[in-house]
Structures are given as C-alpha cells and as structure tokens.
Amino acid sequence: FPPSMAEIVATDRDRIAVATLGGTTLCIDVRWQDSIEDATLSKDGRFLAWGWDGYESYGYELIDRSGAGQEIDTGERPVPSPSGKRLASVEWSESAFGSLNGVLVLQVLPQGLKELARIEDLPGEMADWRLDAWHGEECFAISAVRWADIPDDGEATPETPRQHFAVARKGDRWSVAPAAHGCPLQ
C-alpha cells in the first residue's frame, strides 16, 4: 500500500487491518492473495479497494470503511451508477478462477453496502466480459466476445466483435438479456 495510506492500513503476511470511519478496525484475511495491485482510496476516504492475484485465483476487494466496515470481493473494479448510489461489476472465466464469476449489483447505503443481485448464469461460450455503461439507475450494458471470434493468439482486440447484453431491474429482480444496443431506450 502506498505510504499515503499508512494511517488507515496496516499489513502483515496474512492480514490487512483497515481503520474504519466508525473508529474500529476491520481485519481482512489475505492469505490466498499472493499479490495486491492498484490500491486506491476514494476521494471522500470511504472506499478502499485493490485488485489481487493468487494461485489460480484473482479478484477485486472493495472495503467500505463506513461504520464498522465491510469487505466485498467484486471480482473486477465496480462501476458506479450515474448517481453513485449503485455499483456493478462483471467478471467471468471459464476456469472459474475469478472470485465473482457473474454479475454483481450493490446499493450504496449511508452506512454499508447491500447486495441487490448476484447473477451467475451468464450466456455460455463467451469471454472478455466487461461492463460498458450504466443507463440510469435500473439498467447497465455489458458485453463479451464469443469464443469462436477470439483470434488464434487468444486475445480479443478492439476490432473483435462483441455480443451485447443488458442487465436490468424489473420489480425486485435483476436479469441479463441479449440487447443489440445495450439497455433499452427509456
């Protein structure tokens, strides 16, 4: 962690201790995290986050320092909704080495985060999933590359055709559906 975070983060080989905004310490077991990259602290100091890699595993830790603190592995760096009141991430690998393997939608509460949806049933035979953009607070566009379209070197390029989907809320449920142009126009 950078020296600028020394007042809120202490580490040893097995744990990371994070000072919460409520005056307590949140301890996170990181024995399975071999390397930590790109540690960031939100401008308001509420959220601490980092990407991590381990033996046949990877993820993205999001720490909400409000109250007593909360740890959530979001798989990849979450993307805030336009209001900042929701966060979403998508991560999937055919090996299931990722910590999420699906889509995650979180509600940012005054104190803490609430999981609104965890969708693990994504369309098959696709890779390179990403969250493209939020459209309001109830829908966001995600996309992936079909395995058959991945070049022989195994890496998707900006020219590789992407398949588009919308993750939308209907009532109290969130679902993934094919959407040629992302989220339906409101």
C-alpha atoms as a PDB file:
ATOM      1  CA  PHE A   1       0.000   0.000   0.000  1.00  0.00           C
ATOM      2  CA  PRO A   2       1.275   3.495  -0.701  1.00  0.00           C
ATOM      3  CA  PRO A   3       2.714   5.496   2.217  1.00  0.00           C
ATOM      4  CA  SER A   4      -0.233   7.917   1.941  1.00  0.00           C
ATOM      5  CA  MET A   5      -2.480   5.135   3.326  1.00  0.00           C
ATOM      6  CA  ALA A   6      -0.289   4.362   6.353  1.00  0.00           C
ATOM      7  CA  GLU A   7      -2.761   5.962   8.777  1.00  0.00           C
ATOM      8  CA  ILE A   8      -5.621   3.698   7.707  1.00  0.00           C
ATOM      9  CA  VAL A   9      -3.939   0.444   6.586  1.00  0.00           C
ATOM     10  CA  ALA A  10      -1.577  -1.917   8.391  1.00  0.00           C
ATOM     11  CA  THR A  11      -0.464  -5.236   6.951  1.00  0.00           C
ATOM     12  CA  ASP A  12       1.327  -8.391   7.829  1.00  0.00           C
ATOM     13  CA  ARG A  13       1.816 -11.537   5.799  1.00  0.00           C
ATOM     14  CA  ASP A  14      -1.692 -12.888   6.417  1.00  0.00           C
ATOM     15  CA  ARG A  15      -3.959  -9.919   7.121  1.00  0.00           C
ATOM     16  CA  ILE A  16      -4.756  -6.361   6.210  1.00  0.00           C
ATOM     17  CA  ALA A  17      -6.116  -4.174   9.000  1.00  0.00           C
ATOM     18  CA  VAL A  18      -8.215  -1.220   7.863  1.00  0.00           C
ATOM     19  CA  ALA A  19      -9.220   1.648  10.156  1.00  0.00           C
ATOM     20  CA  THR A  20     -12.929   2.307   9.694  1.00  0.00           C
ATOM     21  CA  LEU A  21     -14.655   5.667   9.780  1.00  0.00           C
ATOM     22  CA  GLY A  22     -16.567   4.403  12.836  1.00  0.00           C
ATOM     23  CA  GLY A  23     -13.350   4.058  14.856  1.00  0.00           C
ATOM     24  CA  THR A  24     -12.977   0.266  14.692  1.00  0.00           C
ATOM     25  CA  THR A  25     -10.558  -1.958  12.795  1.00  0.00           C
ATOM     26  CA  LEU A  26     -11.676  -4.321  10.035  1.00  0.00           C
ATOM     27  CA  CYS A  27      -9.284  -7.267   9.575  1.00  0.00           C
ATOM     28  CA  ILE A  28      -9.172  -8.993   6.193  1.00  0.00           C
ATOM     29  CA  ASP A  29      -7.655 -12.439   5.680  1.00  0.00           C
ATOM     30  CA  VAL A  30      -5.419 -12.213   2.592  1.00  0.00           C
ATOM     31  CA  ARG A  31      -3.517 -15.493   2.877  1.00  0.00           C
ATOM     32  CA  TRP A  32      -4.831 -16.536  -0.545  1.00  0.00           C
ATOM     33  CA  GLN A  33      -3.889 -13.196  -2.152  1.00  0.00           C
ATOM     34  CA  ASP A  34      -0.317 -13.515  -3.461  1.00  0.00           C
ATOM     35  CA  SER A  35      -0.112 -10.004  -4.908  1.00  0.00           C
ATOM     36  CA  ILE A  36      -2.064  -6.801  -4.430  1.00  0.00           C
ATOM     37  CA  GLU A  37      -2.180  -4.170  -7.167  1.00  0.00           C
ATOM     38  CA  ASP A  38      -3.503  -0.655  -7.672  1.00  0.00           C
ATOM     39  CA  ALA A  39      -4.679   0.082  -4.145  1.00  0.00           C
ATOM     40  CA  THR A  40      -6.951   3.127  -4.243  1.00  0.00           C
ATOM     41  CA  LEU A  41      -8.844   5.226  -1.740  1.00  0.00           C
ATOM     42  CA  SER A  42     -11.946   7.162  -2.808  1.00  0.00           C
ATOM     43  CA  LYS A  43     -11.754  10.955  -2.616  1.00  0.00           C
ATOM     44  CA  ASP A  44     -14.063  11.003   0.410  1.00  0.00           C
ATOM     45  CA  GLY A  45     -11.998   8.265   2.124  1.00  0.00           C
ATOM     46  CA  ARG A  46     -14.962   5.899   2.421  1.00  0.00           C
ATOM     47  CA  PHE A  47     -13.911   3.182  -0.034  1.00  0.00           C
ATOM     48  CA  LEU A  48     -10.571   1.384  -0.138  1.00  0.00           C
ATOM     49  CA  ALA A  49     -10.029  -1.060  -2.994  1.00  0.00           C
ATOM     50  CA  TRP A  50      -7.399  -3.197  -4.701  1.00  0.00           C
ATOM     51  CA  GLY A  51      -7.016  -5.897  -7.318  1.00  0.00           C
ATOM     52  CA  TRP A  52      -5.401  -9.161  -6.285  1.00  0.00           C
ATOM     53  CA  ASP A  53      -3.973 -12.354  -7.771  1.00  0.00           C
ATOM     54  CA  GLY A  54      -3.393 -15.699  -6.120  1.00  0.00           C
ATOM     55  CA  TYR A  55      -2.692 -19.272  -7.113  1.00  0.00           C
ATOM     56  CA  GLU A  56      -5.308 -19.977  -9.796  1.00  0.00           C
ATOM     57  CA  SER A  57      -7.468 -17.158  -8.430  1.00  0.00           C
ATOM     58  CA  TYR A  58      -7.992 -13.417  -8.718  1.00  0.00           C
ATOM     59  CA  GLY A  59     -10.439 -10.739  -7.648  1.00  0.00           C
ATOM     60  CA  TYR A  60     -11.057  -7.175  -6.575  1.00  0.00           C
ATOM     61  CA  GLU A  61     -11.531  -6.243  -2.917  1.00  0.00           C
ATOM     62  CA  LEU A  62     -13.855  -3.359  -2.078  1.00  0.00           C
ATOM     63  CA  ILE A  63     -13.751  -2.156   1.516  1.00  0.00           C
ATOM     64  CA  ASP A  64     -16.485   0.182   2.734  1.00  0.00           C
ATOM     65  CA  ARG A  65     -14.937   1.998   5.707  1.00  0.00           C
ATOM     66  CA  SER A  66     -18.268   3.434   6.915  1.00  0.00           C
ATOM     67  CA  GLY A  67     -19.492   2.280  10.335  1.00  0.00           C
ATOM     68  CA  ALA A  68     -17.733  -0.908  11.442  1.00  0.00           C
ATOM     69  CA  GLY A  69     -16.555  -1.566   7.873  1.00  0.00           C
ATOM     70  CA  GLN A  70     -17.492  -4.133   5.251  1.00  0.00           C
ATOM     71  CA  GLU A  71     -15.493  -6.272   2.817  1.00  0.00           C
ATOM     72  CA  ILE A  72     -16.890  -7.418  -0.542  1.00  0.00           C
ATOM     73  CA  ASP A  73     -14.964  -9.079  -3.360  1.00  0.00           C
ATOM     74  CA  THR A  74     -16.478  -7.647  -6.537  1.00  0.00           C
ATOM     75  CA  GLY A  75     -14.404  -9.716  -8.986  1.00  0.00           C
ATOM     76  CA  GLU A  76     -13.414  -6.658 -11.022  1.00  0.00           C
ATOM     77  CA  ARG A  77     -13.375  -2.954 -10.245  1.00  0.00           C
ATOM     78  CA  PRO A  78     -17.036  -1.915  -9.803  1.00  0.00           C
ATOM     79  CA  VAL A  79     -18.537   0.859 -11.911  1.00  0.00           C
ATOM     80  CA  PRO A  80     -20.756   3.443 -10.159  1.00  0.00           C
ATOM     81  CA  SER A  81     -24.202   4.331 -11.484  1.00  0.00           C
ATOM     82  CA  PRO A  82     -24.802   7.953 -12.564  1.00  0.00           C
ATOM     83  CA  SER A  83     -25.986   8.912  -9.052  1.00  0.00           C
ATOM     84  CA  GLY A  84     -23.194   6.961  -7.347  1.00  0.00           C
ATOM     85  CA  LYS A  85     -25.827   5.125  -5.292  1.00  0.00           C
ATOM     86  CA  ARG A  86     -25.254   1.787  -7.031  1.00  0.00           C
ATOM     87  CA  LEU A  87     -22.167  -0.165  -8.023  1.00  0.00           C
ATOM     88  CA  ALA A  88     -21.950  -3.012 -10.514  1.00  0.00           C
ATOM     89  CA  SER A  89     -19.258  -5.355 -11.763  1.00  0.00           C
ATOM     90  CA  VAL A  90     -18.993  -8.288 -14.137  1.00  0.00           C
ATOM     91  CA  GLU A  91     -16.283 -10.951 -14.073  1.00  0.00           C
ATOM     92  CA  TRP A  92     -16.325 -14.435 -15.559  1.00  0.00           C
ATOM     93  CA  SER A  93     -13.747 -17.004 -16.556  1.00  0.00           C
ATOM     94  CA  GLU A  94     -14.245 -20.487 -17.954  1.00  0.00           C
ATOM     95  CA  SER A  95     -11.865 -21.834 -15.316  1.00  0.00           C
ATOM     96  CA  ALA A  96     -13.888 -20.190 -12.517  1.00  0.00           C
ATOM     97  CA  PHE A  97     -10.650 -18.831 -11.026  1.00  0.00           C
ATOM     98  CA  GLY A  98     -12.263 -15.417 -10.553  1.00  0.00           C
ATOM     99  CA  SER A  99     -13.836 -14.512  -7.251  1.00  0.00           C
ATOM    100  CA  LEU A 100     -17.209 -13.458  -8.720  1.00  0.00           C
ATOM    101  CA  ASN A 101     -17.961 -15.425 -11.904  1.00  0.00           C
ATOM    102  CA  GLY A 102     -21.053 -13.417 -12.723  1.00  0.00           C
ATOM    103  CA  VAL A 103     -22.643 -10.001 -12.348  1.00  0.00           C
ATOM    104  CA  LEU A 104     -22.881  -8.156  -9.034  1.00  0.00           C
ATOM    105  CA  VAL A 105     -25.124  -5.163  -8.252  1.00  0.00           C
ATOM    106  CA  LEU A 106     -24.707  -3.281  -4.953  1.00  0.00           C
ATOM    107  CA  GLN A 107     -26.690  -0.475  -3.324  1.00  0.00           C
ATOM    108  CA  VAL A 108     -24.565   2.157  -1.562  1.00  0.00           C
ATOM    109  CA  LEU A 109     -26.313   2.893   1.740  1.00  0.00           C
ATOM    110  CA  PRO A 110     -25.483   5.762   4.111  1.00  0.00           C
ATOM    111  CA  GLN A 111     -23.586   3.118   6.075  1.00  0.00           C
ATOM    112  CA  GLY A 112     -22.599  -0.066   4.273  1.00  0.00           C
ATOM    113  CA  LEU A 113     -23.371  -1.804   1.004  1.00  0.00           C
ATOM    114  CA  LYS A 114     -26.360  -4.021   0.235  1.00  0.00           C
ATOM    115  CA  GLU A 115     -26.214  -6.755  -2.392  1.00  0.00           C
ATOM    116  CA  LEU A 116     -29.136  -6.266  -4.776  1.00  0.00           C
ATOM    117  CA  ALA A 117     -28.261  -9.007  -7.255  1.00  0.00           C
ATOM    118  CA  ARG A 118     -25.701 -11.702  -7.970  1.00  0.00           C
ATOM    119  CA  ILE A 119     -26.290 -13.295 -11.361  1.00  0.00           C
ATOM    120  CA  GLU A 120     -24.097 -16.302 -12.077  1.00  0.00           C
ATOM    121  CA  ASP A 121     -25.953 -17.649 -15.114  1.00  0.00           C
ATOM    122  CA  LEU A 122     -24.319 -15.764 -17.989  1.00  0.00           C
ATOM    123  CA  PRO A 123     -24.586 -16.831 -21.639  1.00  0.00           C
ATOM    124  CA  GLY A 124     -22.073 -19.584 -22.415  1.00  0.00           C
ATOM    125  CA  GLU A 125     -19.092 -19.819 -24.727  1.00  0.00           C
ATOM    126  CA  MET A 126     -18.042 -16.209 -24.208  1.00  0.00           C
ATOM    127  CA  ALA A 127     -15.022 -14.446 -22.742  1.00  0.00           C
ATOM    128  CA  ASP A 128     -13.671 -10.956 -22.049  1.00  0.00           C
ATOM    129  CA  TRP A 129     -16.794  -9.797 -20.212  1.00  0.00           C
ATOM    130  CA  ARG A 130     -16.957  -6.098 -19.367  1.00  0.00           C
ATOM    131  CA  LEU A 131     -19.394  -3.515 -18.086  1.00  0.00           C
ATOM    132  CA  ASP A 132     -19.780  -0.933 -20.837  1.00  0.00           C
ATOM    133  CA  ALA A 133     -22.016   1.751 -19.293  1.00  0.00           C
ATOM    134  CA  TRP A 134     -24.841   2.474 -16.900  1.00  0.00           C
ATOM    135  CA  HIS A 135     -28.065   3.835 -18.418  1.00  0.00           C
ATOM    136  CA  GLY A 136     -29.878   5.425 -15.495  1.00  0.00           C
ATOM    137  CA  GLU A 137     -30.100   3.562 -12.182  1.00  0.00           C
ATOM    138  CA  GLU A 138     -32.029   0.487 -13.356  1.00  0.00           C
ATOM    139  CA  CYS A 139     -30.002  -0.809 -16.310  1.00  0.00           C
ATOM    140  CA  PHE A 140     -26.432  -1.208 -17.483  1.00  0.00           C
ATOM    141  CA  ALA A 141     -24.876  -2.606 -20.638  1.00  0.00           C
ATOM    142  CA  ILE A 142     -22.365  -5.455 -20.587  1.00  0.00           C
ATOM    143  CA  SER A 143     -20.626  -7.208 -23.455  1.00  0.00           C
ATOM    144  CA  ALA A 144     -18.462 -10.221 -24.214  1.00  0.00           C
ATOM    145  CA  VAL A 145     -16.649 -11.903 -27.092  1.00  0.00           C
ATOM    146  CA  ARG A 146     -17.759 -15.291 -28.432  1.00  0.00           C
ATOM    147  CA  TRP A 147     -15.023 -17.901 -28.120  1.00  0.00           C
ATOM    148  CA  ALA A 148     -15.313 -18.560 -31.864  1.00  0.00           C
ATOM    149  CA  ASP A 149     -14.463 -14.894 -32.588  1.00  0.00           C
ATOM    150  CA  ILE A 150     -11.288 -14.769 -30.495  1.00  0.00           C
ATOM    151  CA  PRO A 151      -8.190 -14.607 -32.727  1.00  0.00           C
ATOM    152  CA  ASP A 152      -5.741 -17.516 -32.762  1.00  0.00           C
ATOM    153  CA  ASP A 153      -3.390 -15.718 -30.349  1.00  0.00           C
ATOM    154  CA  GLY A 154      -6.124 -15.922 -27.690  1.00  0.00           C
ATOM    155  CA  GLU A 155      -6.506 -12.166 -27.167  1.00  0.00           C
ATOM    156  CA  ALA A 156      -9.560 -10.132 -28.132  1.00  0.00           C
ATOM    157  CA  THR A 157      -8.735  -6.846 -29.862  1.00  0.00           C
ATOM    158  CA  PRO A 158     -10.809  -3.665 -30.205  1.00  0.00           C
ATOM    159  CA  GLU A 159     -11.862  -4.986 -33.639  1.00  0.00           C
ATOM    160  CA  THR A 160     -13.114  -8.317 -32.260  1.00  0.00           C
ATOM    161  CA  PRO A 161     -16.928  -8.319 -32.500  1.00  0.00           C
ATOM    162  CA  ARG A 162     -18.689  -8.097 -29.148  1.00  0.00           C
ATOM    163  CA  GLN A 163     -22.034  -9.538 -28.111  1.00  0.00           C
ATOM    164  CA  HIS A 164     -24.156  -7.053 -26.154  1.00  0.00           C
ATOM    165  CA  PHE A 165     -26.448  -7.628 -23.192  1.00  0.00           C
ATOM    166  CA  ALA A 166     -28.478  -5.521 -20.801  1.00  0.00           C
ATOM    167  CA  VAL A 167     -28.644  -6.099 -17.059  1.00  0.00           C
ATOM    168  CA  ALA A 168     -31.920  -4.557 -15.965  1.00  0.00           C
ATOM    169  CA  ARG A 169     -34.131  -4.402 -12.921  1.00  0.00           C
ATOM    170  CA  LYS A 170     -37.762  -5.405 -13.226  1.00  0.00           C
ATOM    171  CA  GLY A 171     -39.575  -5.121  -9.919  1.00  0.00           C
ATOM    172  CA  ASP A 172     -37.230  -6.516  -7.293  1.00  0.00           C
ATOM    173  CA  ARG A 173     -35.312  -8.795  -9.706  1.00  0.00           C
ATOM    174  CA  TRP A 174     -32.336  -8.119 -11.937  1.00  0.00           C
ATOM    175  CA  SER A 175     -31.751 -10.164 -15.090  1.00  0.00           C
ATOM    176  CA  VAL A 176     -29.413 -10.427 -18.081  1.00  0.00           C
ATOM    177  CA  ALA A 177     -30.866 -10.389 -21.603  1.00  0.00           C
ATOM    178  CA  PRO A 178     -29.432 -10.042 -25.121  1.00  0.00           C
ATOM    179  CA  ALA A 179     -29.600  -6.431 -26.269  1.00  0.00           C
ATOM    180  CA  ALA A 180     -28.088  -5.438 -29.596  1.00  0.00           C
ATOM    181  CA  HIS A 181     -27.742  -1.836 -28.445  1.00  0.00           C
ATOM    182  CA  GLY A 182     -27.299  -2.339 -24.706  1.00  0.00           C
ATOM    183  CA  CYS A 183     -30.043  -1.084 -22.424  1.00  0.00           C
ATOM    184  CA  PRO A 184     -33.462  -0.395 -23.899  1.00  0.00           C
ATOM    185  CA  LEU A 185     -34.120   3.263 -24.508  1.00  0.00           C
ATOM    186  CA  GLN A 186     -36.107   4.747 -21.652  1.00  0.00           C
END
